Amino acid sequence: SLWLVQTARHQGTASIVYSGPVTVTANTRLASRAFDNAQNTLILGGYTLFGCSVRKAITRRVELFAAGENLLGRQVAVARTPLEMLGNPRLVHAGAKITLK
């Protein structure tokens, strides 16, 4: 039987969170192989990605954060038609959340 295009049969996520003076979250995302065409001839490999984030409230209205995605820098094929395209490389970002009330 043919698989639905670009949809892994098995996928899941898991997270663990520590909440204290600083909130730390670690997460992982897993997916089995998928196909990039209706004929199921172009395979997109399975993958496991890891990420984390850290948040710290400075005041009631200001929170600082930093996060990283794909921390191991895995190259993940997200499309193969007409050419192979890769998903985001390692990504790190940081900023401030300001609540206006």
N, C-alpha and C. Protein backbone atom coordinates (compact mmCIF):
# COMPACT_ATOMS: atom_id res chain seq x y z
N SER A 1 0.84 -1.19 0.00
CA SER A 1 0.00 0.00 0.00
C SER A 1 0.89 1.25 0.00
N LEU A 2 0.41 2.30 -0.62
CA LEU A 2 1.16 3.55 -0.71
C LEU A 2 0.97 4.38 0.56
N TRP A 3 2.00 5.14 0.89
CA TRP A 3 1.97 6.02 2.07
C TRP A 3 1.51 7.41 1.65
N LEU A 4 0.95 8.13 2.57
CA LEU A 4 0.61 9.53 2.35
C LEU A 4 1.89 10.32 2.14
N VAL A 5 1.92 11.18 1.16
CA VAL A 5 3.13 11.93 0.79
C VAL A 5 3.62 12.81 1.95
N GLN A 6 4.92 12.80 2.19
CA GLN A 6 5.62 13.62 3.20
C GLN A 6 5.08 13.44 4.62
N THR A 7 4.56 12.27 4.93
CA THR A 7 4.04 12.00 6.26
C THR A 7 4.68 10.72 6.79
N ALA A 8 5.46 10.85 7.83
CA ALA A 8 6.09 9.67 8.44
C ALA A 8 5.03 8.82 9.13
N ARG A 9 5.17 7.52 9.02
CA ARG A 9 4.21 6.63 9.69
C ARG A 9 4.35 6.70 11.20
N HIS A 10 5.58 6.91 11.67
CA HIS A 10 5.84 6.98 13.10
C HIS A 10 6.53 8.30 13.40
N GLN A 11 5.98 9.05 14.33
CA GLN A 11 6.60 10.31 14.73
C GLN A 11 6.19 10.62 16.16
N GLY A 12 7.03 11.39 16.83
CA GLY A 12 6.72 11.73 18.20
C GLY A 12 7.63 12.82 18.73
N THR A 13 7.24 13.38 19.85
CA THR A 13 8.03 14.39 20.52
C THR A 13 8.06 14.08 22.00
N ALA A 14 9.09 14.55 22.66
CA ALA A 14 9.21 14.40 24.11
C ALA A 14 9.89 15.65 24.65
N SER A 15 9.44 16.10 25.80
CA SER A 15 10.03 17.28 26.44
C SER A 15 10.17 17.02 27.93
N ILE A 16 11.15 17.66 28.51
CA ILE A 16 11.32 17.66 29.95
C ILE A 16 11.56 19.10 30.37
N VAL A 17 10.92 19.52 31.45
CA VAL A 17 10.96 20.92 31.87
C VAL A 17 11.38 21.00 33.33
N TYR A 18 12.31 21.89 33.62
CA TYR A 18 12.67 22.23 35.00
C TYR A 18 12.19 23.66 35.23
N SER A 19 11.38 23.85 36.26
CA SER A 19 10.89 25.19 36.61
C SER A 19 11.45 25.57 37.97
N GLY A 20 12.24 26.60 37.99
CA GLY A 20 12.82 27.13 39.21
C GLY A 20 13.05 28.61 38.97
N PRO A 21 14.13 29.17 39.49
CA PRO A 21 14.44 30.58 39.20
C PRO A 21 14.60 30.81 37.70
N VAL A 22 15.04 29.74 37.01
CA VAL A 22 15.17 29.75 35.55
C VAL A 22 14.37 28.54 35.05
N THR A 23 13.66 28.71 33.94
CA THR A 23 12.93 27.58 33.35
C THR A 23 13.77 27.01 32.21
N VAL A 24 14.06 25.74 32.29
CA VAL A 24 14.87 25.06 31.27
C VAL A 24 14.01 23.95 30.65
N THR A 25 13.97 23.92 29.34
CA THR A 25 13.21 22.90 28.62
C THR A 25 14.15 22.20 27.64
N ALA A 26 14.13 20.89 27.64
CA ALA A 26 14.87 20.09 26.65
C ALA A 26 13.84 19.27 25.89
N ASN A 27 14.01 19.19 24.57
CA ASN A 27 13.04 18.45 23.78
C ASN A 27 13.70 17.67 22.66
N THR A 28 12.98 16.67 22.17
CA THR A 28 13.43 15.89 21.03
C THR A 28 12.23 15.62 20.13
N ARG A 29 12.52 15.54 18.85
CA ARG A 29 11.49 15.24 17.84
C ARG A 29 12.00 14.11 16.97
N LEU A 30 11.20 13.05 16.81
CA LEU A 30 11.61 11.89 16.03
C LEU A 30 10.60 11.63 14.92
N ALA A 31 11.08 11.15 13.78
CA ALA A 31 10.19 10.76 12.69
C ALA A 31 10.85 9.63 11.89
N SER A 32 10.04 8.67 11.50
CA SER A 32 10.54 7.60 10.63
C SER A 32 10.57 8.11 9.19
N ARG A 33 11.01 7.28 8.28
CA ARG A 33 11.11 7.72 6.89
C ARG A 33 9.74 8.07 6.33
N ALA A 34 9.77 8.87 5.28
CA ALA A 34 8.56 9.26 4.57
C ALA A 34 8.89 9.28 3.08
N PHE A 35 7.89 9.51 2.26
CA PHE A 35 8.11 9.59 0.82
C PHE A 35 7.74 10.98 0.32
N ASP A 36 8.45 11.44 -0.72
CA ASP A 36 8.22 12.79 -1.24
C ASP A 36 7.36 12.78 -2.50
N ASN A 37 6.89 11.62 -2.93
CA ASN A 37 6.03 11.59 -4.11
C ASN A 37 4.93 10.55 -3.93
N ALA A 38 3.88 10.67 -4.72
CA ALA A 38 2.72 9.78 -4.59
C ALA A 38 3.04 8.34 -4.97
N GLN A 39 4.06 8.13 -5.79
CA GLN A 39 4.44 6.77 -6.19
C GLN A 39 5.30 6.08 -5.13
N ASN A 40 5.68 6.80 -4.09
CA ASN A 40 6.51 6.28 -3.00
C ASN A 40 7.86 5.76 -3.48
N THR A 41 8.49 6.52 -4.38
CA THR A 41 9.81 6.12 -4.88
C THR A 41 10.92 7.04 -4.37
N LEU A 42 10.59 8.24 -3.93
CA LEU A 42 11.59 9.19 -3.42
C LEU A 42 11.52 9.20 -1.89
N ILE A 43 12.53 8.62 -1.25
CA ILE A 43 12.51 8.45 0.21
C ILE A 43 13.11 9.67 0.91
N LEU A 44 12.42 10.12 1.95
CA LEU A 44 12.96 11.11 2.88
C LEU A 44 13.31 10.33 4.14
N GLY A 45 14.57 10.35 4.53
CA GLY A 45 15.03 9.56 5.67
C GLY A 45 14.43 10.00 6.99
N GLY A 46 14.40 9.10 7.94
CA GLY A 46 13.94 9.44 9.28
C GLY A 46 14.96 10.31 9.99
N TYR A 47 14.57 10.90 11.09
CA TYR A 47 15.48 11.79 11.81
C TYR A 47 15.11 11.89 13.28
N THR A 48 16.08 12.36 14.05
CA THR A 48 15.89 12.72 15.45
C THR A 48 16.57 14.07 15.65
N LEU A 49 15.84 15.03 16.17
CA LEU A 49 16.38 16.37 16.41
C LEU A 49 16.27 16.71 17.89
N PHE A 50 17.23 17.47 18.39
CA PHE A 50 17.24 17.89 19.79
C PHE A 50 17.25 19.40 19.89
N GLY A 51 16.58 19.92 20.92
CA GLY A 51 16.57 21.36 21.16
C GLY A 51 16.47 21.65 22.64
N CYS A 52 16.66 22.91 23.00
CA CYS A 52 16.48 23.32 24.39
C CYS A 52 16.20 24.81 24.44
N SER A 53 15.66 25.23 25.56
CA SER A 53 15.42 26.66 25.77
C SER A 53 15.59 26.99 27.24
N VAL A 54 15.91 28.24 27.49
CA VAL A 54 16.08 28.75 28.85
C VAL A 54 15.34 30.08 28.93
N ARG A 55 14.54 30.25 30.00
CA ARG A 55 13.80 31.50 30.20
C ARG A 55 14.02 31.99 31.62
N LYS A 56 14.09 33.30 31.75
CA LYS A 56 14.30 33.90 33.08
C LYS A 56 13.49 35.19 33.16
N ALA A 57 12.58 35.25 34.12
CA ALA A 57 11.82 36.47 34.35
C ALA A 57 12.70 37.47 35.08
N ILE A 58 12.79 38.65 34.52
CA ILE A 58 13.58 39.74 35.13
C ILE A 58 12.67 40.59 36.01
N THR A 59 11.51 40.91 35.49
CA THR A 59 10.46 41.61 36.24
C THR A 59 9.14 40.92 35.89
N ARG A 60 8.03 41.45 36.42
CA ARG A 60 6.71 40.88 36.09
C ARG A 60 6.43 40.99 34.60
N ARG A 61 7.01 41.98 33.94
CA ARG A 61 6.69 42.24 32.53
C ARG A 61 7.81 41.92 31.55
N VAL A 62 8.98 41.58 32.04
CA VAL A 62 10.12 41.32 31.15
C VAL A 62 10.70 39.94 31.42
N GLU A 63 10.84 39.18 30.35
CA GLU A 63 11.41 37.84 30.44
C GLU A 63 12.48 37.70 29.34
N LEU A 64 13.64 37.21 29.72
CA LEU A 64 14.70 36.94 28.74
C LEU A 64 14.66 35.47 28.36
N PHE A 65 15.00 35.17 27.12
CA PHE A 65 15.00 33.78 26.69
C PHE A 65 16.12 33.53 25.68
N ALA A 66 16.52 32.27 25.62
CA ALA A 66 17.48 31.79 24.61
C ALA A 66 17.05 30.38 24.27
N ALA A 67 17.18 30.01 23.00
CA ALA A 67 16.76 28.69 22.58
C ALA A 67 17.63 28.20 21.43
N GLY A 68 17.71 26.89 21.32
CA GLY A 68 18.44 26.27 20.23
C GLY A 68 17.64 25.13 19.65
N GLU A 69 17.68 24.99 18.33
CA GLU A 69 16.98 23.91 17.64
C GLU A 69 17.98 23.16 16.79
N ASN A 70 17.74 21.88 16.56
CA ASN A 70 18.65 21.03 15.79
C ASN A 70 20.08 21.20 16.31
N LEU A 71 20.24 21.05 17.60
CA LEU A 71 21.53 21.34 18.25
C LEU A 71 22.68 20.46 17.77
N LEU A 72 22.40 19.29 17.24
CA LEU A 72 23.47 18.44 16.73
C LEU A 72 23.80 18.76 15.27
N GLY A 73 23.08 19.70 14.67
CA GLY A 73 23.38 20.14 13.31
C GLY A 73 23.09 19.09 12.25
N ARG A 74 22.10 18.24 12.46
CA ARG A 74 21.75 17.21 11.49
C ARG A 74 21.23 17.80 10.20
N GLN A 75 21.64 17.22 9.09
CA GLN A 75 21.08 17.60 7.80
C GLN A 75 19.89 16.69 7.52
N VAL A 76 18.71 17.29 7.43
CA VAL A 76 17.48 16.53 7.23
C VAL A 76 16.88 16.91 5.89
N ALA A 77 16.71 15.92 5.01
CA ALA A 77 16.06 16.17 3.72
C ALA A 77 14.57 16.37 3.96
N VAL A 78 14.03 17.51 3.52
CA VAL A 78 12.61 17.79 3.69
C VAL A 78 11.85 17.71 2.37
N ALA A 79 12.57 17.64 1.26
CA ALA A 79 11.95 17.49 -0.06
C ALA A 79 12.99 16.93 -1.02
N ARG A 80 12.51 16.22 -2.05
CA ARG A 80 13.42 15.68 -3.07
C ARG A 80 12.89 15.92 -4.47
N THR A 81 11.86 16.73 -4.60
CA THR A 81 11.32 17.01 -5.93
C THR A 81 11.36 18.51 -6.19
N PRO A 82 12.00 19.02 -7.22
CA PRO A 82 12.81 18.25 -8.15
C PRO A 82 14.23 17.98 -7.63
N LEU A 83 14.67 18.80 -6.67
CA LEU A 83 16.01 18.63 -6.09
C LEU A 83 15.88 18.41 -4.59
N GLU A 84 16.89 17.79 -4.00
CA GLU A 84 16.86 17.60 -2.54
C GLU A 84 16.99 18.94 -1.84
N MET A 85 16.10 19.21 -0.91
CA MET A 85 16.14 20.42 -0.10
C MET A 85 16.32 20.01 1.35
N LEU A 86 17.17 20.74 2.06
CA LEU A 86 17.45 20.43 3.46
C LEU A 86 16.67 21.36 4.38
N GLY A 87 16.31 20.84 5.56
CA GLY A 87 15.64 21.65 6.57
C GLY A 87 16.63 22.60 7.24
N ASN A 88 16.15 23.32 8.22
CA ASN A 88 16.99 24.30 8.93
C ASN A 88 18.21 23.65 9.54
N PRO A 89 19.36 24.32 9.45
CA PRO A 89 20.55 23.84 10.15
C PRO A 89 20.40 24.17 11.64
N ARG A 90 21.47 24.02 12.39
CA ARG A 90 21.44 24.41 13.80
C ARG A 90 20.98 25.86 13.87
N LEU A 91 20.08 26.14 14.78
CA LEU A 91 19.51 27.47 14.90
C LEU A 91 19.52 27.88 16.37
N VAL A 92 20.10 29.02 16.67
CA VAL A 92 20.12 29.55 18.04
C VAL A 92 19.56 30.97 18.00
N HIS A 93 18.65 31.26 18.91
CA HIS A 93 18.09 32.61 18.96
C HIS A 93 17.85 33.01 20.41
N ALA A 94 17.79 34.30 20.62
CA ALA A 94 17.59 34.84 21.98
C ALA A 94 16.85 36.15 21.87
N GLY A 95 16.26 36.55 22.97
CA GLY A 95 15.55 37.81 22.94
C GLY A 95 14.90 38.12 24.28
N ALA A 96 13.99 39.08 24.22
CA ALA A 96 13.27 39.50 25.41
C ALA A 96 11.78 39.54 25.09
N LYS A 97 10.99 39.09 26.04
CA LYS A 97 9.55 39.15 25.91
C LYS A 97 9.07 40.24 26.87
N ILE A 98 8.37 41.22 26.32
CA ILE A 98 7.87 42.33 27.12
C ILE A 98 6.34 42.29 27.07
N THR A 99 5.71 42.24 28.22
CA THR A 99 4.26 42.21 28.31
C THR A 99 3.75 43.60 28.61
N LEU A 100 2.90 44.10 27.72
CA LEU A 100 2.29 45.42 27.90
C LEU A 100 0.85 45.22 28.34
N LYS A 101 0.51 45.77 29.50
CA LYS A 101 -0.86 45.63 30.00
C LYS A 101 -1.43 46.97 30.34
